[in-house]
Amino acid sequence: LTKLLVDLGRDAELEARYRSDPDDVLAEYEVSDE
């Protein structure tokens, strides 16, 4: 989760991917359901 938060703040491409498909990015980072 911390890595995802940091990466989202640093990587505009990742942020755009997250906006279009958050579930895919969350699964990629293997964050917990919570």
PDB file of all heavy atoms in Angstrom:
ATOM      1  N   LEU A   1       0.833  -1.201   0.000  1.00  0.00           N
ATOM      2  CA  LEU A   1       0.000   0.000   0.000  1.00  0.00           C
ATOM      3  C   LEU A   1       0.865   1.248   0.000  1.00  0.00           C
ATOM      4  O   LEU A   1       0.616   2.178  -0.775  1.00  0.00           O
ATOM      5  CB  LEU A   1      -0.947   0.007   1.202  1.00  0.00           C
ATOM      6  CG  LEU A   1      -1.784   1.285   1.368  1.00  0.00           C
ATOM      7  CD1 LEU A   1      -2.647   1.552   0.140  1.00  0.00           C
ATOM      8  CD2 LEU A   1      -2.616   1.199   2.631  1.00  0.00           C
ATOM      9  N   THR A   2       1.870   1.283   0.839  1.00  0.00           N
ATOM     10  CA  THR A   2       2.753   2.446   0.902  1.00  0.00           C
ATOM     11  C   THR A   2       3.456   2.644  -0.429  1.00  0.00           C
ATOM     12  O   THR A   2       3.543   3.763  -0.935  1.00  0.00           O
ATOM     13  CB  THR A   2       3.784   2.284   2.035  1.00  0.00           C
ATOM     14  OG1 THR A   2       3.079   2.054   3.258  1.00  0.00           O
ATOM     15  CG2 THR A   2       4.657   3.510   2.166  1.00  0.00           C
ATOM     16  N   LYS A   3       3.926   1.561  -1.022  1.00  0.00           N
ATOM     17  CA  LYS A   3       4.586   1.644  -2.327  1.00  0.00           C
ATOM     18  C   LYS A   3       3.618   2.191  -3.368  1.00  0.00           C
ATOM     19  O   LYS A   3       3.989   3.056  -4.176  1.00  0.00           O
ATOM     20  CB  LYS A   3       5.129   0.285  -2.757  1.00  0.00           C
ATOM     21  CG  LYS A   3       5.824   0.327  -4.106  1.00  0.00           C
ATOM     22  CD  LYS A   3       6.693  -0.870  -4.312  1.00  0.00           C
ATOM     23  CE  LYS A   3       7.372  -0.899  -5.665  1.00  0.00           C
ATOM     24  NZ  LYS A   3       7.706   0.362  -6.276  1.00  0.00           N
ATOM     25  N   LEU A   4       2.376   1.724  -3.348  1.00  0.00           N
ATOM     26  CA  LEU A   4       1.383   2.226  -4.293  1.00  0.00           C
ATOM     27  C   LEU A   4       1.162   3.721  -4.108  1.00  0.00           C
ATOM     28  O   LEU A   4       1.151   4.478  -5.086  1.00  0.00           O
ATOM     29  CB  LEU A   4       0.061   1.472  -4.135  1.00  0.00           C
ATOM     30  CG  LEU A   4      -1.122   2.003  -4.941  1.00  0.00           C
ATOM     31  CD1 LEU A   4      -0.835   2.000  -6.435  1.00  0.00           C
ATOM     32  CD2 LEU A   4      -2.369   1.204  -4.619  1.00  0.00           C
ATOM     33  N   LEU A   5       0.991   4.168  -2.875  1.00  0.00           N
ATOM     34  CA  LEU A   5       0.774   5.592  -2.611  1.00  0.00           C
ATOM     35  C   LEU A   5       1.944   6.431  -3.117  1.00  0.00           C
ATOM     36  O   LEU A   5       1.745   7.467  -3.755  1.00  0.00           O
ATOM     37  CB  LEU A   5       0.552   5.828  -1.118  1.00  0.00           C
ATOM     38  CG  LEU A   5      -0.753   5.288  -0.545  1.00  0.00           C
ATOM     39  CD1 LEU A   5      -0.725   5.347   0.980  1.00  0.00           C
ATOM     40  CD2 LEU A   5      -1.948   6.038  -1.098  1.00  0.00           C
ATOM     41  N   VAL A   6       3.153   5.978  -2.851  1.00  0.00           N
ATOM     42  CA  VAL A   6       4.351   6.704  -3.307  1.00  0.00           C
ATOM     43  C   VAL A   6       4.416   6.698  -4.828  1.00  0.00           C
ATOM     44  O   VAL A   6       4.635   7.735  -5.461  1.00  0.00           O
ATOM     45  CB  VAL A   6       5.625   6.091  -2.682  1.00  0.00           C
ATOM     46  CG1 VAL A   6       6.877   6.649  -3.339  1.00  0.00           C
ATOM     47  CG2 VAL A   6       5.640   6.342  -1.178  1.00  0.00           C
ATOM     48  N   ASP A   7       4.205   5.535  -5.422  1.00  0.00           N
ATOM     49  CA  ASP A   7       4.289   5.428  -6.880  1.00  0.00           C
ATOM     50  C   ASP A   7       3.225   6.265  -7.578  1.00  0.00           C
ATOM     51  O   ASP A   7       3.497   6.896  -8.610  1.00  0.00           O
ATOM     52  CB  ASP A   7       4.179   3.968  -7.326  1.00  0.00           C
ATOM     53  CG  ASP A   7       5.418   3.149  -6.977  1.00  0.00           C
ATOM     54  OD1 ASP A   7       6.433   3.729  -6.523  1.00  0.00           O
ATOM     55  OD2 ASP A   7       5.361   1.915  -7.153  1.00  0.00           O
ATOM     56  N   LEU A   8       2.028   6.299  -7.026  1.00  0.00           N
ATOM     57  CA  LEU A   8       0.975   7.118  -7.624  1.00  0.00           C
ATOM     58  C   LEU A   8       1.343   8.593  -7.604  1.00  0.00           C
ATOM     59  O   LEU A   8       0.997   9.341  -8.520  1.00  0.00           O
ATOM     60  CB  LEU A   8      -0.355   6.898  -6.894  1.00  0.00           C
ATOM     61  CG  LEU A   8      -1.083   5.611  -7.202  1.00  0.00           C
ATOM     62  CD1 LEU A   8      -2.241   5.408  -6.235  1.00  0.00           C
ATOM     63  CD2 LEU A   8      -1.587   5.591  -8.637  1.00  0.00           C
ATOM     64  N   GLY A   9       2.027   9.001  -6.564  1.00  0.00           N
ATOM     65  CA  GLY A   9       2.450  10.393  -6.467  1.00  0.00           C
ATOM     66  C   GLY A   9       3.597  10.749  -7.385  1.00  0.00           C
ATOM     67  O   GLY A   9       3.814  11.924  -7.691  1.00  0.00           O
ATOM     68  N   ARG A  10       4.313   9.757  -7.850  1.00  0.00           N
ATOM     69  CA  ARG A  10       5.503   9.991  -8.672  1.00  0.00           C
ATOM     70  C   ARG A  10       5.316   9.681 -10.156  1.00  0.00           C
ATOM     71  O   ARG A  10       6.074  10.162 -10.981  1.00  0.00           O
ATOM     72  CB  ARG A  10       6.655   9.111  -8.176  1.00  0.00           C
ATOM     73  CG  ARG A  10       7.181   9.509  -6.853  1.00  0.00           C
ATOM     74  CD  ARG A  10       8.333   8.625  -6.477  1.00  0.00           C
ATOM     75  NE  ARG A  10       8.878   9.034  -5.194  1.00  0.00           N
ATOM     76  CZ  ARG A  10       9.749   8.353  -4.511  1.00  0.00           C
ATOM     77  NH1 ARG A  10      10.188   7.196  -4.976  1.00  0.00           N
ATOM     78  NH2 ARG A  10      10.193   8.792  -3.361  1.00  0.00           N
ATOM     79  N   ASP A  11       4.355   8.847 -10.474  1.00  0.00           N
ATOM     80  CA  ASP A  11       4.257   8.291 -11.826  1.00  0.00           C
ATOM     81  C   ASP A  11       2.907   8.654 -12.452  1.00  0.00           C
ATOM     82  O   ASP A  11       1.884   8.044 -12.155  1.00  0.00           O
ATOM     83  CB  ASP A  11       4.421   6.773 -11.734  1.00  0.00           C
ATOM     84  CG  ASP A  11       4.474   6.072 -13.073  1.00  0.00           C
ATOM     85  OD1 ASP A  11       4.008   6.643 -14.080  1.00  0.00           O
ATOM     86  OD2 ASP A  11       4.960   4.929 -13.102  1.00  0.00           O
ATOM     87  N   ALA A  12       2.928   9.642 -13.333  1.00  0.00           N
ATOM     88  CA  ALA A  12       1.688  10.111 -13.961  1.00  0.00           C
ATOM     89  C   ALA A  12       1.031   9.019 -14.803  1.00  0.00           C
ATOM     90  O   ALA A  12      -0.196   8.945 -14.866  1.00  0.00           O
ATOM     91  CB  ALA A  12       1.972  11.339 -14.826  1.00  0.00           C
ATOM     92  N   GLU A  13       1.818   8.187 -15.425  1.00  0.00           N
ATOM     93  CA  GLU A  13       1.260   7.096 -16.236  1.00  0.00           C
ATOM     94  C   GLU A  13       0.507   6.097 -15.352  1.00  0.00           C
ATOM     95  O   GLU A  13      -0.589   5.647 -15.696  1.00  0.00           O
ATOM     96  CB  GLU A  13       2.377   6.388 -17.001  1.00  0.00           C
ATOM     97  CG  GLU A  13       1.887   5.451 -18.065  1.00  0.00           C
ATOM     98  CD  GLU A  13       3.029   4.923 -18.917  1.00  0.00           C
ATOM     99  OE1 GLU A  13       3.813   5.735 -19.444  1.00  0.00           O
ATOM    100  OE2 GLU A  13       3.120   3.682 -19.041  1.00  0.00           O
ATOM    101  N   LEU A  14       1.101   5.745 -14.220  1.00  0.00           N
ATOM    102  CA  LEU A  14       0.438   4.849 -13.275  1.00  0.00           C
ATOM    103  C   LEU A  14      -0.834   5.495 -12.747  1.00  0.00           C
ATOM    104  O   LEU A  14      -1.873   4.840 -12.647  1.00  0.00           O
ATOM    105  CB  LEU A  14       1.370   4.499 -12.114  1.00  0.00           C
ATOM    106  CG  LEU A  14       0.762   3.626 -11.026  1.00  0.00           C
ATOM    107  CD1 LEU A  14       0.416   2.243 -11.570  1.00  0.00           C
ATOM    108  CD2 LEU A  14       1.719   3.512  -9.849  1.00  0.00           C
ATOM    109  N   GLU A  15      -0.771   6.771 -12.434  1.00  0.00           N
ATOM    110  CA  GLU A  15      -1.939   7.488 -11.933  1.00  0.00           C
ATOM    111  C   GLU A  15      -3.066   7.464 -12.968  1.00  0.00           C
ATOM    112  O   GLU A  15      -4.233   7.254 -12.633  1.00  0.00           O
ATOM    113  CB  GLU A  15      -1.548   8.931 -11.575  1.00  0.00           C
ATOM    114  CG  GLU A  15      -2.631   9.718 -10.887  1.00  0.00           C
ATOM    115  CD  GLU A  15      -3.496  10.480 -11.862  1.00  0.00           C
ATOM    116  OE1 GLU A  15      -3.041  10.767 -12.977  1.00  0.00           O
ATOM    117  OE2 GLU A  15      -4.644  10.773 -11.505  1.00  0.00           O
ATOM    118  N   ALA A  16      -2.728   7.634 -14.239  1.00  0.00           N
ATOM    119  CA  ALA A  16      -3.738   7.581 -15.308  1.00  0.00           C
ATOM    120  C   ALA A  16      -4.340   6.181 -15.410  1.00  0.00           C
ATOM    121  O   ALA A  16      -5.556   6.029 -15.586  1.00  0.00           O
ATOM    122  CB  ALA A  16      -3.123   8.002 -16.629  1.00  0.00           C
ATOM    123  N   ARG A  17      -3.500   5.162 -15.281  1.00  0.00           N
ATOM    124  CA  ARG A  17      -3.994   3.777 -15.288  1.00  0.00           C
ATOM    125  C   ARG A  17      -4.922   3.533 -14.107  1.00  0.00           C
ATOM    126  O   ARG A  17      -5.951   2.878 -14.237  1.00  0.00           O
ATOM    127  CB  ARG A  17      -2.832   2.781 -15.228  1.00  0.00           C
ATOM    128  CG  ARG A  17      -2.107   2.601 -16.534  1.00  0.00           C
ATOM    129  CD  ARG A  17      -1.003   1.545 -16.469  1.00  0.00           C
ATOM    130  NE  ARG A  17      -1.415   0.350 -15.762  1.00  0.00           N
ATOM    131  CZ  ARG A  17      -0.681  -0.263 -14.818  1.00  0.00           C
ATOM    132  NH1 ARG A  17       0.496   0.198 -14.486  1.00  0.00           N
ATOM    133  NH2 ARG A  17      -1.135  -1.332 -14.214  1.00  0.00           N
ATOM    134  N   TYR A  18      -4.554   4.071 -12.949  1.00  0.00           N
ATOM    135  CA  TYR A  18      -5.385   3.899 -11.758  1.00  0.00           C
ATOM    136  C   TYR A  18      -6.740   4.566 -11.957  1.00  0.00           C
ATOM    137  O   TYR A  18      -7.766   4.005 -11.575  1.00  0.00           O
ATOM    138  CB  TYR A  18      -4.684   4.471 -10.526  1.00  0.00           C
ATOM    139  CG  TYR A  18      -5.475   4.227  -9.261  1.00  0.00           C
ATOM    140  CD1 TYR A  18      -5.381   3.024  -8.593  1.00  0.00           C
ATOM    141  CD2 TYR A  18      -6.351   5.177  -8.780  1.00  0.00           C
ATOM    142  CE1 TYR A  18      -6.126   2.770  -7.449  1.00  0.00           C
ATOM    143  CE2 TYR A  18      -7.108   4.945  -7.639  1.00  0.00           C
ATOM    144  CZ  TYR A  18      -6.987   3.735  -6.981  1.00  0.00           C
ATOM    145  OH  TYR A  18      -7.728   3.493  -5.866  1.00  0.00           O
ATOM    146  N   ARG A  19      -6.748   5.736 -12.559  1.00  0.00           N
ATOM    147  CA  ARG A  19      -8.026   6.424 -12.810  1.00  0.00           C
ATOM    148  C   ARG A  19      -8.924   5.606 -13.728  1.00  0.00           C
ATOM    149  O   ARG A  19     -10.130   5.572 -13.546  1.00  0.00           O
ATOM    150  CB  ARG A  19      -7.789   7.789 -13.438  1.00  0.00           C
ATOM    151  CG  ARG A  19      -7.386   8.839 -12.467  1.00  0.00           C
ATOM    152  CD  ARG A  19      -7.239  10.156 -13.205  1.00  0.00           C
ATOM    153  NE  ARG A  19      -6.615  11.131 -12.367  1.00  0.00           N
ATOM    154  CZ  ARG A  19      -7.150  12.306 -12.114  1.00  0.00           C
ATOM    155  NH1 ARG A  19      -8.305  12.641 -12.631  1.00  0.00           N
ATOM    156  NH2 ARG A  19      -6.523  13.155 -11.334  1.00  0.00           N
ATOM    157  N   SER A  20      -8.342   4.970 -14.727  1.00  0.00           N
ATOM    158  CA  SER A  20      -9.165   4.232 -15.686  1.00  0.00           C
ATOM    159  C   SER A  20      -9.530   2.835 -15.198  1.00  0.00           C
ATOM    160  O   SER A  20     -10.581   2.309 -15.568  1.00  0.00           O
ATOM    161  CB  SER A  20      -8.474   4.155 -17.048  1.00  0.00           C
ATOM    162  OG  SER A  20      -7.309   3.367 -16.971  1.00  0.00           O
ATOM    163  N   ASP A  21      -8.682   2.223 -14.375  1.00  0.00           N
ATOM    164  CA  ASP A  21      -8.973   0.865 -13.894  1.00  0.00           C
ATOM    165  C   ASP A  21      -8.317   0.633 -12.539  1.00  0.00           C
ATOM    166  O   ASP A  21      -7.281  -0.043 -12.440  1.00  0.00           O
ATOM    167  CB  ASP A  21      -8.479  -0.164 -14.910  1.00  0.00           C
ATOM    168  CG  ASP A  21      -8.963  -1.573 -14.605  1.00  0.00           C
ATOM    169  OD1 ASP A  21      -9.598  -1.794 -13.547  1.00  0.00           O
ATOM    170  OD2 ASP A  21      -8.711  -2.462 -15.434  1.00  0.00           O
ATOM    171  N   PRO A  22      -8.899   1.201 -11.476  1.00  0.00           N
ATOM    172  CA  PRO A  22      -8.273   1.071 -10.156  1.00  0.00           C
ATOM    173  C   PRO A  22      -8.123  -0.380  -9.710  1.00  0.00           C
ATOM    174  O   PRO A  22      -7.108  -0.727  -9.093  1.00  0.00           O
ATOM    175  CB  PRO A  22      -9.199   1.847  -9.230  1.00  0.00           C
ATOM    176  CG  PRO A  22     -10.458   2.050  -9.974  1.00  0.00           C
ATOM    177  CD  PRO A  22     -10.135   1.969 -11.425  1.00  0.00           C
ATOM    178  N   ASP A  23      -9.087  -1.225 -10.033  1.00  0.00           N
ATOM    179  CA  ASP A  23      -9.000  -2.625  -9.595  1.00  0.00           C
ATOM    180  C   ASP A  23      -7.776  -3.321 -10.168  1.00  0.00           C
ATOM    181  O   ASP A  23      -7.130  -4.118  -9.488  1.00  0.00           O
ATOM    182  CB  ASP A  23     -10.272  -3.393  -9.966  1.00  0.00           C
ATOM    183  CG  ASP A  23     -11.465  -2.948  -9.137  1.00  0.00           C
ATOM    184  OD1 ASP A  23     -11.276  -2.614  -7.948  1.00  0.00           O
ATOM    185  OD2 ASP A  23     -12.580  -2.928  -9.688  1.00  0.00           O
ATOM    186  N   ASP A  24      -7.444  -3.016 -11.412  1.00  0.00           N
ATOM    187  CA  ASP A  24      -6.275  -3.627 -12.044  1.00  0.00           C
ATOM    188  C   ASP A  24      -4.984  -3.212 -11.335  1.00  0.00           C
ATOM    189  O   ASP A  24      -4.129  -4.049 -11.042  1.00  0.00           O
ATOM    190  CB  ASP A  24      -6.224  -3.244 -13.525  1.00  0.00           C
ATOM    191  CG  ASP A  24      -5.097  -3.950 -14.253  1.00  0.00           C
ATOM    192  OD1 ASP A  24      -5.048  -5.198 -14.220  1.00  0.00           O
ATOM    193  OD2 ASP A  24      -4.250  -3.248 -14.856  1.00  0.00           O
ATOM    194  N   VAL A  25      -4.865  -1.924 -11.040  1.00  0.00           N
ATOM    195  CA  VAL A  25      -3.654  -1.427 -10.373  1.00  0.00           C
ATOM    196  C   VAL A  25      -3.578  -1.962  -8.944  1.00  0.00           C
ATOM    197  O   VAL A  25      -2.510  -2.392  -8.489  1.00  0.00           O
ATOM    198  CB  VAL A  25      -3.590   0.115 -10.411  1.00  0.00           C
ATOM    199  CG1 VAL A  25      -2.418   0.632  -9.576  1.00  0.00           C
ATOM    200  CG2 VAL A  25      -3.488   0.603 -11.849  1.00  0.00           C
ATOM    201  N   LEU A  26      -4.705  -1.969  -8.244  1.00  0.00           N
ATOM    202  CA  LEU A  26      -4.713  -2.495  -6.878  1.00  0.00           C
ATOM    203  C   LEU A  26      -4.322  -3.971  -6.867  1.00  0.00           C
ATOM    204  O   LEU A  26      -3.579  -4.413  -5.984  1.00  0.00           O
ATOM    205  CB  LEU A  26      -6.090  -2.288  -6.250  1.00  0.00           C
ATOM    206  CG  LEU A  26      -6.450  -0.825  -5.966  1.00  0.00           C
ATOM    207  CD1 LEU A  26      -7.935  -0.683  -5.700  1.00  0.00           C
ATOM    208  CD2 LEU A  26      -5.626  -0.275  -4.821  1.00  0.00           C
ATOM    209  N   ALA A  27      -4.788  -4.729  -7.854  1.00  0.00           N
ATOM    210  CA  ALA A  27      -4.417  -6.145  -7.944  1.00  0.00           C
ATOM    211  C   ALA A  27      -2.937  -6.292  -8.279  1.00  0.00           C
ATOM    212  O   ALA A  27      -2.252  -7.161  -7.725  1.00  0.00           O
ATOM    213  CB  ALA A  27      -5.264  -6.843  -8.996  1.00  0.00           C
ATOM    214  N   GLU A  28      -2.441  -5.443  -9.154  1.00  0.00           N
ATOM    215  CA  GLU A  28      -1.021  -5.481  -9.531  1.00  0.00           C
ATOM    216  C   GLU A  28      -0.134  -5.264  -8.311  1.00  0.00           C
ATOM    217  O   GLU A  28       0.902  -5.911  -8.163  1.00  0.00           O
ATOM    218  CB  GLU A  28      -0.755  -4.400 -10.579  1.00  0.00           C
ATOM    219  CG  GLU A  28       0.671  -4.305 -11.037  1.00  0.00           C
ATOM    220  CD  GLU A  28       0.866  -3.179 -12.039  1.00  0.00           C
ATOM    221  OE1 GLU A  28      -0.035  -2.928 -12.868  1.00  0.00           O
ATOM    222  OE2 GLU A  28       1.938  -2.551 -11.986  1.00  0.00           O
ATOM    223  N   TYR A  29      -0.546  -4.364  -7.429  1.00  0.00           N
ATOM    224  CA  TYR A  29       0.235  -4.072  -6.228  1.00  0.00           C
ATOM    225  C   TYR A  29      -0.083  -5.029  -5.081  1.00  0.00           C
ATOM    226  O   TYR A  29       0.544  -4.956  -4.029  1.00  0.00           O
ATOM    227  CB  TYR A  29       0.020  -2.618  -5.790  1.00  0.00           C
ATOM    228  CG  TYR A  29       0.925  -1.660  -6.521  1.00  0.00           C
ATOM    229  CD1 TYR A  29       0.671  -1.300  -7.837  1.00  0.00           C
ATOM    230  CD2 TYR A  29       2.056  -1.134  -5.910  1.00  0.00           C
ATOM    231  CE1 TYR A  29       1.502  -0.425  -8.517  1.00  0.00           C
ATOM    232  CE2 TYR A  29       2.901  -0.266  -6.573  1.00  0.00           C
ATOM    233  CZ  TYR A  29       2.614   0.093  -7.882  1.00  0.00           C
ATOM    234  OH  TYR A  29       3.453   0.955  -8.550  1.00  0.00           O
ATOM    235  N   GLU A  30      -1.044  -5.897  -5.308  1.00  0.00           N
ATOM    236  CA  GLU A  30      -1.428  -6.911  -4.331  1.00  0.00           C
ATOM    237  C   GLU A  30      -1.740  -6.312  -2.960  1.00  0.00           C
ATOM    238  O   GLU A  30      -1.332  -6.839  -1.925  1.00  0.00           O
ATOM    239  CB  GLU A  30      -0.347  -7.990  -4.217  1.00  0.00           C
ATOM    240  CG  GLU A  30      -0.106  -8.730  -5.514  1.00  0.00           C
ATOM    241  CD  GLU A  30       0.990  -9.771  -5.424  1.00  0.00           C
ATOM    242  OE1 GLU A  30       1.752  -9.803  -4.427  1.00  0.00           O
ATOM    243  OE2 GLU A  30       1.085 -10.563  -6.371  1.00  0.00           O
ATOM    244  N   VAL A  31      -2.492  -5.205  -2.964  1.00  0.00           N
ATOM    245  CA  VAL A  31      -2.900  -4.625  -1.692  1.00  0.00           C
ATOM    246  C   VAL A  31      -4.045  -5.453  -1.123  1.00  0.00           C
ATOM    247  O   VAL A  31      -4.770  -6.123  -1.858  1.00  0.00           O
ATOM    248  CB  VAL A  31      -3.312  -3.140  -1.824  1.00  0.00           C
ATOM    249  CG1 VAL A  31      -2.163  -2.302  -2.337  1.00  0.00           C
ATOM    250  CG2 VAL A  31      -4.532  -2.964  -2.687  1.00  0.00           C
ATOM    251  N   SER A  32      -4.196  -5.413   0.169  1.00  0.00           N
ATOM    252  CA  SER A  32      -5.262  -6.171   0.831  1.00  0.00           C
ATOM    253  C   SER A  32      -6.628  -5.636   0.397  1.00  0.00           C
ATOM    254  O   SER A  32      -6.749  -4.506  -0.094  1.00  0.00           O
ATOM    255  CB  SER A  32      -5.129  -6.051   2.347  1.00  0.00           C
ATOM    256  OG  SER A  32      -5.426  -4.725   2.753  1.00  0.00           O
ATOM    257  N   ASP A  33      -7.645  -6.446   0.613  1.00  0.00           N
ATOM    258  CA  ASP A  33      -9.007  -6.014   0.302  1.00  0.00           C
ATOM    259  C   ASP A  33      -9.368  -4.767   1.104  1.00  0.00           C
ATOM    260  O   ASP A  33     -10.011  -3.851   0.582  1.00  0.00           O
ATOM    261  CB  ASP A  33     -10.011  -7.132   0.597  1.00  0.00           C
ATOM    262  CG  ASP A  33      -9.884  -8.303  -0.358  1.00  0.00           C
ATOM    263  OD1 ASP A  33      -9.278  -8.148  -1.444  1.00  0.00           O
ATOM    264  OD2 ASP A  33     -10.392  -9.391  -0.017  1.00  0.00           O
ATOM    265  N   GLU A  34      -8.948  -4.737   2.355  1.00  0.00           N
ATOM    266  CA  GLU A  34      -9.232  -3.586   3.215  1.00  0.00           C
ATOM    267  C   GLU A  34      -8.569  -2.317   2.678  1.00  0.00           C
ATOM    268  O   GLU A  34      -9.180  -1.248   2.634  1.00  0.00           O
ATOM    269  CB  GLU A  34      -8.756  -3.882   4.639  1.00  0.00           C
ATOM    270  CG  GLU A  34      -9.132  -2.837   5.641  1.00  0.00           C
ATOM    271  CD  GLU A  34      -8.676  -3.177   7.054  1.00  0.00           C
ATOM    272  OE1 GLU A  34      -7.886  -4.132   7.241  1.00  0.00           O
ATOM    273  OE2 GLU A  34      -9.114  -2.477   7.964  1.00  0.00           O
TER     274      GLU A  34
END
